[in-house]
Amino acid sequence: LLGHIQYLERSGPRVVDTHRGGNVTLPCRLRVVPRDYRLKWVKLGLSPRENIALMADSRRERARGPFASRASLTRADRHDLSLRIRDVRLEDSGRYKCELINGVDDDSVTVDLRLV
């Protein structure tokens, strides 16, 4: 697409290994910080219904469902939108999508969480 801005970095690991009960960080970093944005971390699966783990904007965030008390954004700096999951459960394994919703240029990256 002509003129499409890639907001998210593509250099991070695509697979992250962890173990049950551990803490894990799924990487998602902005290359460009848009003035206004919404962010959605979604756990992809067999269900056609979106399994939203966390929604955020530049100021606040809210983890949902089974992630409500266990997920947050690391926000180590203004480019960092990585998802931190505490006390990892067996059913947390799978593919996650970090989706930036900007109104014009949406962008997303996926990362696989593997329990070893």
PDB file of N, CA and C in Angstrom:
ATOM      1  N   LEU A   1       0.849  -1.190   0.000  1.00  0.00           N
ATOM      2  CA  LEU A   1       0.000   0.000   0.000  1.00  0.00           C
ATOM      3  C   LEU A   1       0.884   1.239   0.000  1.00  0.00           C
ATOM      4  N   LEU A   2       0.679   2.111  -0.928  1.00  0.00           N
ATOM      5  CA  LEU A   2       1.494   3.312  -1.053  1.00  0.00           C
ATOM      6  C   LEU A   2       1.259   4.240   0.138  1.00  0.00           C
ATOM      7  N   GLY A   3       2.350   4.689   0.733  1.00  0.00           N
ATOM      8  CA  GLY A   3       2.228   5.654   1.822  1.00  0.00           C
ATOM      9  C   GLY A   3       1.830   5.043   3.158  1.00  0.00           C
ATOM     10  N   HIS A   4       1.793   3.716   3.229  1.00  0.00           N
ATOM     11  CA  HIS A   4       1.427   3.071   4.495  1.00  0.00           C
ATOM     12  C   HIS A   4       2.597   3.152   5.469  1.00  0.00           C
ATOM     13  N   ILE A   5       2.330   3.639   6.657  1.00  0.00           N
ATOM     14  CA  ILE A   5       3.387   3.760   7.660  1.00  0.00           C
ATOM     15  C   ILE A   5       3.437   2.492   8.499  1.00  0.00           C
ATOM     16  N   GLN A   6       4.632   1.938   8.640  1.00  0.00           N
ATOM     17  CA  GLN A   6       4.807   0.821   9.562  1.00  0.00           C
ATOM     18  C   GLN A   6       5.110   1.400  10.935  1.00  0.00           C
ATOM     19  N   TYR A   7       4.124   1.312  11.811  1.00  0.00           N
ATOM     20  CA  TYR A   7       4.302   1.884  13.145  1.00  0.00           C
ATOM     21  C   TYR A   7       5.066   0.951  14.071  1.00  0.00           C
ATOM     22  N   LEU A   8       4.929  -0.358  13.835  1.00  0.00           N
ATOM     23  CA  LEU A   8       5.488  -1.330  14.770  1.00  0.00           C
ATOM     24  C   LEU A   8       6.783  -1.934  14.241  1.00  0.00           C
ATOM     25  N   GLU A   9       7.723  -2.128  15.155  1.00  0.00           N
ATOM     26  CA  GLU A   9       8.992  -2.763  14.798  1.00  0.00           C
ATOM     27  C   GLU A   9       8.762  -4.227  14.469  1.00  0.00           C
ATOM     28  N   ARG A  10       9.550  -4.725  13.524  1.00  0.00           N
ATOM     29  CA  ARG A  10       9.434  -6.130  13.142  1.00  0.00           C
ATOM     30  C   ARG A  10      10.666  -6.928  13.521  1.00  0.00           C
ATOM     31  N   SER A  11      11.525  -6.327  14.345  1.00  0.00           N
ATOM     32  CA  SER A  11      12.820  -6.959  14.622  1.00  0.00           C
ATOM     33  C   SER A  11      12.803  -7.864  15.860  1.00  0.00           C
ATOM     34  N   GLY A  12      11.747  -7.777  16.659  1.00  0.00           N
ATOM     35  CA  GLY A  12      11.714  -8.547  17.910  1.00  0.00           C
ATOM     36  C   GLY A  12      11.519 -10.037  17.673  1.00  0.00           C
ATOM     37  N   PRO A  13      11.695 -10.851  18.729  1.00  0.00           N
ATOM     38  CA  PRO A  13      11.493 -12.299  18.593  1.00  0.00           C
ATOM     39  C   PRO A  13      10.033 -12.624  18.258  1.00  0.00           C
ATOM     40  N   ARG A  14       9.825 -13.601  17.406  1.00  0.00           N
ATOM     41  CA  ARG A  14       8.470 -14.006  17.024  1.00  0.00           C
ATOM     42  C   ARG A  14       7.958 -15.138  17.904  1.00  0.00           C
ATOM     43  N   VAL A  15       8.868 -15.782  18.634  1.00  0.00           N
ATOM     44  CA  VAL A  15       8.479 -16.858  19.552  1.00  0.00           C
ATOM     45  C   VAL A  15       9.124 -16.584  20.905  1.00  0.00           C
ATOM     46  N   VAL A  16       8.330 -16.689  21.965  1.00  0.00           N
ATOM     47  CA  VAL A  16       8.843 -16.503  23.319  1.00  0.00           C
ATOM     48  C   VAL A  16       8.520 -17.756  24.118  1.00  0.00           C
ATOM     49  N   ASP A  17       9.537 -18.315  24.769  1.00  0.00           N
ATOM     50  CA  ASP A  17       9.350 -19.521  25.582  1.00  0.00           C
ATOM     51  C   ASP A  17       9.240 -19.150  27.049  1.00  0.00           C
ATOM     52  N   THR A  18       8.360 -19.850  27.758  1.00  0.00           N
ATOM     53  CA  THR A  18       8.253 -19.656  29.196  1.00  0.00           C
ATOM     54  C   THR A  18       7.756 -20.959  29.816  1.00  0.00           C
ATOM     55  N   HIS A  19       7.512 -20.940  31.114  1.00  0.00           N
ATOM     56  CA  HIS A  19       7.004 -22.132  31.795  1.00  0.00           C
ATOM     57  C   HIS A  19       5.816 -21.731  32.659  1.00  0.00           C
ATOM     58  N   ARG A  20       5.056 -22.720  33.043  1.00  0.00           N
ATOM     59  CA  ARG A  20       3.891 -22.485  33.905  1.00  0.00           C
ATOM     60  C   ARG A  20       4.289 -21.776  35.183  1.00  0.00           C
ATOM     61  N   GLY A  21       3.517 -20.770  35.565  1.00  0.00           N
ATOM     62  CA  GLY A  21       3.797 -20.046  36.801  1.00  0.00           C
ATOM     63  C   GLY A  21       4.828 -18.937  36.643  1.00  0.00           C
ATOM     64  N   GLY A  22       5.450 -18.878  35.465  1.00  0.00           N
ATOM     65  CA  GLY A  22       6.468 -17.853  35.243  1.00  0.00           C
ATOM     66  C   GLY A  22       5.859 -16.533  34.803  1.00  0.00           C
ATOM     67  N   ASN A  23       6.720 -15.550  34.636  1.00  0.00           N
ATOM     68  CA  ASN A  23       6.320 -14.258  34.072  1.00  0.00           C
ATOM     69  C   ASN A  23       6.952 -14.144  32.693  1.00  0.00           C
ATOM     70  N   VAL A  24       6.239 -13.522  31.769  1.00  0.00           N
ATOM     71  CA  VAL A  24       6.751 -13.457  30.404  1.00  0.00           C
ATOM     72  C   VAL A  24       6.408 -12.102  29.794  1.00  0.00           C
ATOM     73  N   THR A  25       7.259 -11.642  28.887  1.00  0.00           N
ATOM     74  CA  THR A  25       7.006 -10.394  28.171  1.00  0.00           C
ATOM     75  C   THR A  25       6.951 -10.673  26.678  1.00  0.00           C
ATOM     76  N   LEU A  26       5.813 -10.338  26.065  1.00  0.00           N
ATOM     77  CA  LEU A  26       5.654 -10.490  24.623  1.00  0.00           C
ATOM     78  C   LEU A  26       5.972  -9.147  23.983  1.00  0.00           C
ATOM     79  N   PRO A  27       6.995  -9.099  23.118  1.00  0.00           N
ATOM     80  CA  PRO A  27       7.497  -7.820  22.629  1.00  0.00           C
ATOM     81  C   PRO A  27       6.595  -7.145  21.603  1.00  0.00           C
ATOM     82  N   CYS A  28       6.461  -5.841  21.744  1.00  0.00           N
ATOM     83  CA  CYS A  28       5.779  -5.010  20.753  1.00  0.00           C
ATOM     84  C   CYS A  28       6.312  -3.600  20.946  1.00  0.00           C
ATOM     85  N   ARG A  29       6.970  -3.078  19.906  1.00  0.00           N
ATOM     86  CA  ARG A  29       7.577  -1.756  20.019  1.00  0.00           C
ATOM     87  C   ARG A  29       7.179  -0.854  18.863  1.00  0.00           C
ATOM     88  N   LEU A  30       6.930   0.394  19.188  1.00  0.00           N
ATOM     89  CA  LEU A  30       6.623   1.395  18.174  1.00  0.00           C
ATOM     90  C   LEU A  30       7.908   1.873  17.509  1.00  0.00           C
ATOM     91  N   ARG A  31       7.902   1.940  16.187  1.00  0.00           N
ATOM     92  CA  ARG A  31       8.987   2.608  15.459  1.00  0.00           C
ATOM     93  C   ARG A  31       8.716   4.101  15.447  1.00  0.00           C
ATOM     94  N   VAL A  32       7.441   4.429  15.258  1.00  0.00           N
ATOM     95  CA  VAL A  32       6.980   5.807  15.210  1.00  0.00           C
ATOM     96  C   VAL A  32       5.882   5.931  16.255  1.00  0.00           C
ATOM     97  N   VAL A  33       5.935   6.972  17.074  1.00  0.00           N
ATOM     98  CA  VAL A  33       4.885   7.158  18.080  1.00  0.00           C
ATOM     99  C   VAL A  33       3.809   8.075  17.505  1.00  0.00           C
ATOM    100  N   PRO A  34       2.620   7.512  17.197  1.00  0.00           N
ATOM    101  CA  PRO A  34       1.558   8.369  16.663  1.00  0.00           C
ATOM    102  C   PRO A  34       1.018   9.286  17.754  1.00  0.00           C
ATOM    103  N   ARG A  35       0.422  10.378  17.338  1.00  0.00           N
ATOM    104  CA  ARG A  35      -0.061  11.345  18.334  1.00  0.00           C
ATOM    105  C   ARG A  35      -1.186  10.744  19.156  1.00  0.00           C
ATOM    106  N   ASP A  36      -2.042  10.008  18.506  1.00  0.00           N
ATOM    107  CA  ASP A  36      -3.162   9.403  19.208  1.00  0.00           C
ATOM    108  C   ASP A  36      -3.329   7.987  18.704  1.00  0.00           C
ATOM    109  N   TYR A  37      -3.456   7.042  19.591  1.00  0.00           N
ATOM    110  CA  TYR A  37      -3.629   5.669  19.129  1.00  0.00           C
ATOM    111  C   TYR A  37      -4.355   4.835  20.171  1.00  0.00           C
ATOM    112  N   ARG A  38      -4.905   3.730  19.676  1.00  0.00           N
ATOM    113  CA  ARG A  38      -5.426   2.700  20.572  1.00  0.00           C
ATOM    114  C   ARG A  38      -4.646   1.421  20.290  1.00  0.00           C
ATOM    115  N   LEU A  39      -4.506   0.620  21.318  1.00  0.00           N
ATOM    116  CA  LEU A  39      -3.743  -0.609  21.195  1.00  0.00           C
ATOM    117  C   LEU A  39      -4.582  -1.765  21.703  1.00  0.00           C
ATOM    118  N   LYS A  40      -4.474  -2.873  20.988  1.00  0.00           N
ATOM    119  CA  LYS A  40      -5.209  -4.063  21.386  1.00  0.00           C
ATOM    120  C   LYS A  40      -4.230  -5.238  21.358  1.00  0.00           C
ATOM    121  N   TRP A  41      -4.125  -5.943  22.465  1.00  0.00           N
ATOM    122  CA  TRP A  41      -3.427  -7.225  22.478  1.00  0.00           C
ATOM    123  C   TRP A  41      -4.503  -8.304  22.434  1.00  0.00           C
ATOM    124  N   VAL A  42      -4.465  -9.140  21.407  1.00  0.00           N
ATOM    125  CA  VAL A  42      -5.486 -10.167  21.211  1.00  0.00           C
ATOM    126  C   VAL A  42      -4.831 -11.533  21.210  1.00  0.00           C
ATOM    127  N   LYS A  43      -5.434 -12.483  21.915  1.00  0.00           N
ATOM    128  CA  LYS A  43      -4.967 -13.871  21.823  1.00  0.00           C
ATOM    129  C   LYS A  43      -5.742 -14.531  20.685  1.00  0.00           C
ATOM    130  N   LEU A  44      -5.005 -14.958  19.670  1.00  0.00           N
ATOM    131  CA  LEU A  44      -5.645 -15.569  18.508  1.00  0.00           C
ATOM    132  C   LEU A  44      -5.926 -17.029  18.804  1.00  0.00           C
ATOM    133  N   GLY A  45      -7.034 -17.524  18.268  1.00  0.00           N
ATOM    134  CA  GLY A  45      -7.366 -18.917  18.542  1.00  0.00           C
ATOM    135  C   GLY A  45      -8.397 -19.432  17.581  1.00  0.00           C
ATOM    136  N   LEU A  46      -9.041 -20.520  17.964  1.00  0.00           N
ATOM    137  CA  LEU A  46     -10.025 -21.150  17.104  1.00  0.00           C
ATOM    138  C   LEU A  46     -11.338 -20.387  17.103  1.00  0.00           C
ATOM    139  N   SER A  47     -11.587 -19.678  18.192  1.00  0.00           N
ATOM    140  CA  SER A  47     -12.848 -18.948  18.306  1.00  0.00           C
ATOM    141  C   SER A  47     -12.856 -17.763  17.347  1.00  0.00           C
ATOM    142  N   PRO A  48     -13.957 -17.572  16.607  1.00  0.00           N
ATOM    143  CA  PRO A  48     -14.042 -16.408  15.720  1.00  0.00           C
ATOM    144  C   PRO A  48     -14.167 -15.110  16.526  1.00  0.00           C
ATOM    145  N   ARG A  49     -14.593 -15.260  17.783  1.00  0.00           N
ATOM    146  CA  ARG A  49     -14.714 -14.102  18.663  1.00  0.00           C
ATOM    147  C   ARG A  49     -13.311 -13.663  19.096  1.00  0.00           C
ATOM    148  N   GLU A  50     -13.061 -12.377  19.047  1.00  0.00           N
ATOM    149  CA  GLU A  50     -11.748 -11.895  19.450  1.00  0.00           C
ATOM    150  C   GLU A  50     -11.563 -12.067  20.946  1.00  0.00           C
ATOM    151  N   ASN A  51     -10.458 -12.696  21.303  1.00  0.00           N
ATOM    152  CA  ASN A  51     -10.142 -12.904  22.701  1.00  0.00           C
ATOM    153  C   ASN A  51      -9.182 -11.781  23.129  1.00  0.00           C
ATOM    154  N   ILE A  52      -9.748 -10.655  23.548  1.00  0.00           N
ATOM    155  CA  ILE A  52      -8.924  -9.486  23.857  1.00  0.00           C
ATOM    156  C   ILE A  52      -8.293  -9.639  25.243  1.00  0.00           C
ATOM    157  N   ALA A  53      -6.964  -9.584  25.275  1.00  0.00           N
ATOM    158  CA  ALA A  53      -6.250  -9.689  26.548  1.00  0.00           C
ATOM    159  C   ALA A  53      -6.120  -8.327  27.206  1.00  0.00           C
ATOM    160  N   LEU A  54      -5.893  -7.285  26.373  1.00  0.00           N
ATOM    161  CA  LEU A  54      -5.679  -5.966  26.936  1.00  0.00           C
ATOM    162  C   LEU A  54      -5.979  -4.893  25.890  1.00  0.00           C
ATOM    163  N   MET A  55      -6.612  -3.812  26.331  1.00  0.00           N
ATOM    164  CA  MET A  55      -6.852  -2.649  25.477  1.00  0.00           C
ATOM    165  C   MET A  55      -6.165  -1.459  26.138  1.00  0.00           C
ATOM    166  N   ALA A  56      -5.642  -0.566  25.308  1.00  0.00           N
ATOM    167  CA  ALA A  56      -4.939   0.585  25.875  1.00  0.00           C
ATOM    168  C   ALA A  56      -4.998   1.755  24.913  1.00  0.00           C
ATOM    169  N   ASP A  57      -4.681   2.929  25.448  1.00  0.00           N
ATOM    170  CA  ASP A  57      -4.382   4.066  24.593  1.00  0.00           C
ATOM    171  C   ASP A  57      -3.113   4.697  25.153  1.00  0.00           C
ATOM    172  N   SER A  58      -2.787   5.891  24.712  1.00  0.00           N
ATOM    173  CA  SER A  58      -1.507   6.468  25.134  1.00  0.00           C
ATOM    174  C   SER A  58      -1.478   6.774  26.628  1.00  0.00           C
ATOM    175  N   ARG A  59      -2.634   6.796  27.275  1.00  0.00           N
ATOM    176  CA  ARG A  59      -2.670   7.170  28.685  1.00  0.00           C
ATOM    177  C   ARG A  59      -3.025   6.046  29.648  1.00  0.00           C
ATOM    178  N   ARG A  60      -3.917   5.152  29.234  1.00  0.00           N
ATOM    179  CA  ARG A  60      -4.361   4.141  30.200  1.00  0.00           C
ATOM    180  C   ARG A  60      -4.506   2.782  29.530  1.00  0.00           C
ATOM    181  N   GLU A  61      -4.730   1.772  30.352  1.00  0.00           N
ATOM    182  CA  GLU A  61      -4.850   0.413  29.834  1.00  0.00           C
ATOM    183  C   GLU A  61      -5.791  -0.398  30.713  1.00  0.00           C
ATOM    184  N   ARG A  62      -6.367  -1.440  30.116  1.00  0.00           N
ATOM    185  CA  ARG A  62      -7.220  -2.330  30.900  1.00  0.00           C
ATOM    186  C   ARG A  62      -7.092  -3.753  30.388  1.00  0.00           C
ATOM    187  N   ALA A  63      -6.649  -4.638  31.257  1.00  0.00           N
ATOM    188  CA  ALA A  63      -6.580  -6.055  30.911  1.00  0.00           C
ATOM    189  C   ALA A  63      -7.961  -6.661  31.092  1.00  0.00           C
ATOM    190  N   ARG A  64      -8.273  -7.704  30.309  1.00  0.00           N
ATOM    191  CA  ARG A  64      -9.625  -8.252  30.321  1.00  0.00           C
ATOM    192  C   ARG A  64      -9.639  -9.757  30.464  1.00  0.00           C
ATOM    193  N   GLY A  65     -10.840 -10.252  30.812  1.00  0.00           N
ATOM    194  CA  GLY A  65     -11.066 -11.697  30.867  1.00  0.00           C
ATOM    195  C   GLY A  65     -10.083 -12.407  31.774  1.00  0.00           C
ATOM    196  N   PRO A  66      -9.563 -13.562  31.308  1.00  0.00           N
ATOM    197  CA  PRO A  66      -8.642 -14.340  32.144  1.00  0.00           C
ATOM    198  C   PRO A  66      -7.312 -13.615  32.396  1.00  0.00           C
ATOM    199  N   PHE A  67      -7.082 -12.514  31.699  1.00  0.00           N
ATOM    200  CA  PHE A  67      -5.835 -11.767  31.873  1.00  0.00           C
ATOM    201  C   PHE A  67      -6.001 -10.581  32.826  1.00  0.00           C
ATOM    202  N   ALA A  68      -7.233 -10.375  33.299  1.00  0.00           N
ATOM    203  CA  ALA A  68      -7.571  -9.147  34.034  1.00  0.00           C
ATOM    204  C   ALA A  68      -6.594  -8.802  35.154  1.00  0.00           C
ATOM    205  N   SER A  69      -6.218  -9.784  35.952  1.00  0.00           N
ATOM    206  CA  SER A  69      -5.343  -9.476  37.087  1.00  0.00           C
ATOM    207  C   SER A  69      -3.884  -9.808  36.794  1.00  0.00           C
ATOM    208  N   ARG A  70      -3.603 -10.273  35.556  1.00  0.00           N
ATOM    209  CA  ARG A  70      -2.247 -10.795  35.298  1.00  0.00           C
ATOM    210  C   ARG A  70      -1.495 -10.092  34.179  1.00  0.00           C
ATOM    211  N   ALA A  71      -2.174  -9.255  33.400  1.00  0.00           N
ATOM    212  CA  ALA A  71      -1.521  -8.660  32.233  1.00  0.00           C
ATOM    213  C   ALA A  71      -1.405  -7.147  32.357  1.00  0.00           C
ATOM    214  N   SER A  72      -0.301  -6.619  31.858  1.00  0.00           N
ATOM    215  CA  SER A  72      -0.096  -5.171  31.827  1.00  0.00           C
ATOM    216  C   SER A  72       0.916  -4.855  30.727  1.00  0.00           C
ATOM    217  N   LEU A  73       0.991  -3.584  30.365  1.00  0.00           N
ATOM    218  CA  LEU A  73       2.017  -3.164  29.410  1.00  0.00           C
ATOM    219  C   LEU A  73       3.281  -2.813  30.181  1.00  0.00           C
ATOM    220  N   THR A  74       4.438  -3.167  29.623  1.00  0.00           N
ATOM    221  CA  THR A  74       5.682  -2.859  30.339  1.00  0.00           C
ATOM    222  C   THR A  74       5.986  -1.367  30.287  1.00  0.00           C
ATOM    223  N   ARG A  75       5.731  -0.714  29.145  1.00  0.00           N
ATOM    224  CA  ARG A  75       5.952   0.732  28.971  1.00  0.00           C
ATOM    225  C   ARG A  75       7.293   1.186  29.556  1.00  0.00           C
ATOM    226  N   ALA A  76       8.361   0.482  29.195  1.00  0.00           N
ATOM    227  CA  ALA A  76       9.699   0.848  29.671  1.00  0.00           C
ATOM    228  C   ALA A  76      10.114   2.216  29.127  1.00  0.00           C
ATOM    229  N   ASP A  77       9.583   2.553  27.945  1.00  0.00           N
ATOM    230  CA  ASP A  77       9.775   3.886  27.364  1.00  0.00           C
ATOM    231  C   ASP A  77       8.560   4.147  26.475  1.00  0.00           C
ATOM    232  N   ARG A  78       8.508   5.289  25.813  1.00  0.00           N
ATOM    233  CA  ARG A  78       7.291   5.649  25.070  1.00  0.00           C
ATOM    234  C   ARG A  78       7.082   4.798  23.821  1.00  0.00           C
ATOM    235  N   HIS A  79       8.106   4.031  23.434  1.00  0.00           N
ATOM    236  CA  HIS A  79       7.988   3.144  22.273  1.00  0.00           C
ATOM    237  C   HIS A  79       7.534   1.733  22.671  1.00  0.00           C
ATOM    238  N   ASP A  80       7.519   1.459  23.963  1.00  0.00           N
ATOM    239  CA  ASP A  80       7.340   0.087  24.445  1.00  0.00           C
ATOM    240  C   ASP A  80       5.873  -0.228  24.746  1.00  0.00           C
ATOM    241  N   LEU A  81       5.295  -1.142  23.954  1.00  0.00           N
ATOM    242  CA  LEU A  81       3.912  -1.581  24.181  1.00  0.00           C
ATOM    243  C   LEU A  81       3.862  -3.086  24.441  1.00  0.00           C
ATOM    244  N   SER A  82       4.977  -3.626  24.948  1.00  0.00           N
ATOM    245  CA  SER A  82       5.065  -5.063  25.192  1.00  0.00           C
ATOM    246  C   SER A  82       4.078  -5.498  26.270  1.00  0.00           C
ATOM    247  N   LEU A  83       3.592  -6.718  26.116  1.00  0.00           N
ATOM    248  CA  LEU A  83       2.607  -7.268  27.055  1.00  0.00           C
ATOM    249  C   LEU A  83       3.304  -8.159  28.064  1.00  0.00           C
ATOM    250  N   ARG A  84       3.129  -7.849  29.341  1.00  0.00           N
ATOM    251  CA  ARG A  84       3.700  -8.672  30.408  1.00  0.00           C
ATOM    252  C   ARG A  84       2.582  -9.502  31.013  1.00  0.00           C
ATOM    253  N   ILE A  85       2.797 -10.818  31.051  1.00  0.00           N
ATOM    254  CA  ILE A  85       1.821 -11.723  31.662  1.00  0.00           C
ATOM    255  C   ILE A  85       2.477 -12.372  32.871  1.00  0.00           C
ATOM    256  N   ARG A  86       1.821 -12.251  34.016  1.00  0.00           N
ATOM    257  CA  ARG A  86       2.323 -12.849  35.250  1.00  0.00           C
ATOM    258  C   ARG A  86       1.643 -14.195  35.483  1.00  0.00           C
ATOM    259  N   ASP A  87       2.328 -15.065  36.194  1.00  0.00           N
ATOM    260  CA  ASP A  87       1.744 -16.346  36.612  1.00  0.00           C
ATOM    261  C   ASP A  87       1.131 -17.080  35.411  1.00  0.00           C
ATOM    262  N   VAL A  88       1.979 -17.363  34.429  1.00  0.00           N
ATOM    263  CA  VAL A  88       1.535 -17.959  33.160  1.00  0.00           C
ATOM    264  C   VAL A  88       0.819 -19.292  33.385  1.00  0.00           C
ATOM    265  N   ARG A  89      -0.320 -19.452  32.709  1.00  0.00           N
ATOM    266  CA  ARG A  89      -1.106 -20.683  32.773  1.00  0.00           C
ATOM    267  C   ARG A  89      -0.929 -21.474  31.481  1.00  0.00           C
ATOM    268  N   LEU A  90      -1.244 -22.760  31.569  1.00  0.00           N
ATOM    269  CA  LEU A  90      -1.150 -23.651  30.421  1.00  0.00           C
ATOM    270  C   LEU A  90      -1.920 -23.101  29.223  1.00  0.00           C
ATOM    271  N   GLU A  91      -3.124 -22.583  29.493  1.00  0.00           N
ATOM    272  CA  GLU A  91      -3.989 -22.121  28.402  1.00  0.00           C
ATOM    273  C   GLU A  91      -3.552 -20.779  27.816  1.00  0.00           C
ATOM    274  N   ASP A  92      -2.508 -20.163  28.400  1.00  0.00           N
ATOM    275  CA  ASP A  92      -1.988 -18.904  27.837  1.00  0.00           C
ATOM    276  C   ASP A  92      -1.175 -19.139  26.569  1.00  0.00           C
ATOM    277  N   SER A  93      -0.719 -20.386  26.370  1.00  0.00           N
ATOM    278  CA  SER A  93       0.127 -20.640  25.206  1.00  0.00           C
ATOM    279  C   SER A  93      -0.659 -20.406  23.924  1.00  0.00           C
ATOM    280  N   GLY A  94       0.027 -19.924  22.900  1.00  0.00           N
ATOM    281  CA  GLY A  94      -0.626 -19.656  21.632  1.00  0.00           C
ATOM    282  C   GLY A  94      -0.088 -18.404  20.985  1.00  0.00           C
ATOM    283  N   ARG A  95      -0.807 -17.933  19.979  1.00  0.00           N
ATOM    284  CA  ARG A  95      -0.368 -16.770  19.201  1.00  0.00           C
ATOM    285  C   ARG A  95      -1.095 -15.516  19.648  1.00  0.00           C
ATOM    286  N   TYR A  96      -0.332 -14.458  19.816  1.00  0.00           N
ATOM    287  CA  TYR A  96      -0.868 -13.173  20.248  1.00  0.00           C
ATOM    288  C   TYR A  96      -0.607 -12.124  19.176  1.00  0.00           C
ATOM    289  N   LYS A  97      -1.545 -11.181  19.058  1.00  0.00           N
ATOM    290  CA  LYS A  97      -1.394 -10.103  18.092  1.00  0.00           C
ATOM    291  C   LYS A  97      -1.403  -8.769  18.820  1.00  0.00           C
ATOM    292  N   CYS A  98      -0.370  -7.978  18.562  1.00  0.00           N
ATOM    293  CA  CYS A  98      -0.299  -6.611  19.058  1.00  0.00           C
ATOM    294  C   CYS A  98      -0.800  -5.733  17.924  1.00  0.00           C
ATOM    295  N   GLU A  99      -1.945  -5.090  18.130  1.00  0.00           N
ATOM    296  CA  GLU A  99      -2.595  -4.347  17.055  1.00  0.00           C
ATOM    297  C   GLU A  99      -2.700  -2.867  17.414  1.00  0.00           C
ATOM    298  N   LEU A 100      -2.080  -2.051  16.589  1.00  0.00           N
ATOM    299  CA  LEU A 100      -2.144  -0.613  16.775  1.00  0.00           C
ATOM    300  C   LEU A 100      -3.256  -0.066  15.896  1.00  0.00           C
ATOM    301  N   ILE A 101      -4.188   0.643  16.509  1.00  0.00           N
ATOM    302  CA  ILE A 101      -5.319   1.199  15.764  1.00  0.00           C
ATOM    303  C   ILE A 101      -5.164   2.710  15.769  1.00  0.00           C
ATOM    304  N   ASN A 102      -4.929   3.234  14.590  1.00  0.00           N
ATOM    305  CA  ASN A 102      -4.602   4.646  14.479  1.00  0.00           C
ATOM    306  C   ASN A 102      -5.649   5.409  13.686  1.00  0.00           C
ATOM    307  N   GLY A 103      -6.653   4.679  13.194  1.00  0.00           N
ATOM    308  CA  GLY A 103      -7.684   5.341  12.402  1.00  0.00           C
ATOM    309  C   GLY A 103      -7.395   5.268  10.919  1.00  0.00           C
ATOM    310  N   VAL A 104      -6.178   5.635  10.526  1.00  0.00           N
ATOM    311  CA  VAL A 104      -5.808   5.612   9.116  1.00  0.00           C
ATOM    312  C   VAL A 104      -4.927   4.400   8.823  1.00  0.00           C
ATOM    313  N   ASP A 105      -3.763   4.391   9.434  1.00  0.00           N
ATOM    314  CA  ASP A 105      -2.814   3.303   9.226  1.00  0.00           C
ATOM    315  C   ASP A 105      -2.813   2.378  10.434  1.00  0.00           C
ATOM    316  N   ASP A 106      -3.578   1.289  10.378  1.00  0.00           N
ATOM    317  CA  ASP A 106      -3.500   0.301  11.447  1.00  0.00           C
ATOM    318  C   ASP A 106      -2.305  -0.596  11.162  1.00  0.00           C
ATOM    319  N   ASP A 107      -1.749  -1.197  12.197  1.00  0.00           N
ATOM    320  CA  ASP A 107      -0.590  -2.057  12.022  1.00  0.00           C
ATOM    321  C   ASP A 107      -0.637  -3.132  13.101  1.00  0.00           C
ATOM    322  N   SER A 108      -0.083  -4.296  12.802  1.00  0.00           N
ATOM    323  CA  SER A 108      -0.068  -5.343  13.826  1.00  0.00           C
ATOM    324  C   SER A 108       1.135  -6.276  13.632  1.00  0.00           C
ATOM    325  N   VAL A 109       1.565  -6.861  14.728  1.00  0.00           N
ATOM    326  CA  VAL A 109       2.593  -7.907  14.690  1.00  0.00           C
ATOM    327  C   VAL A 109       2.098  -9.059  15.545  1.00  0.00           C
ATOM    328  N   THR A 110       2.558 -10.265  15.247  1.00  0.00           N
ATOM    329  CA  THR A 110       2.173 -11.425  16.057  1.00  0.00           C
ATOM    330  C   THR A 110       3.394 -12.032  16.730  1.00  0.00           C
ATOM    331  N   VAL A 111       3.155 -12.666  17.858  1.00  0.00           N
ATOM    332  CA  VAL A 111       4.214 -13.366  18.575  1.00  0.00           C
ATOM    333  C   VAL A 111       3.601 -14.621  19.201  1.00  0.00           C
ATOM    334  N   ASP A 112       4.345 -15.712  19.152  1.00  0.00           N
ATOM    335  CA  ASP A 112       3.887 -16.983  19.717  1.00  0.00           C
ATOM    336  C   ASP A 112       4.437 -17.183  21.115  1.00  0.00           C
ATOM    337  N   LEU A 113       3.559 -17.547  22.040  1.00  0.00           N
ATOM    338  CA  LEU A 113       3.975 -17.874  23.414  1.00  0.00           C
ATOM    339  C   LEU A 113       3.956 -19.389  23.532  1.00  0.00           C
ATOM    340  N   ARG A 114       5.133 -19.953  23.852  1.00  0.00           N
ATOM    341  CA  ARG A 114       5.260 -21.400  23.973  1.00  0.00           C
ATOM    342  C   ARG A 114       5.591 -21.772  25.408  1.00  0.00           C
ATOM    343  N   LEU A 115       4.901 -22.760  25.928  1.00  0.00           N
ATOM    344  CA  LEU A 115       5.244 -23.281  27.259  1.00  0.00           C
ATOM    345  C   LEU A 115       6.154 -24.480  27.088  1.00  0.00           C
ATOM    346  N   VAL A 116       7.299 -24.430  27.752  1.00  0.00           N
ATOM    347  CA  VAL A 116       8.283 -25.511  27.613  1.00  0.00           C
ATOM    348  C   VAL A 116       8.504 -26.215  28.943  1.00  0.00           C
TER     349      VAL A 116
END
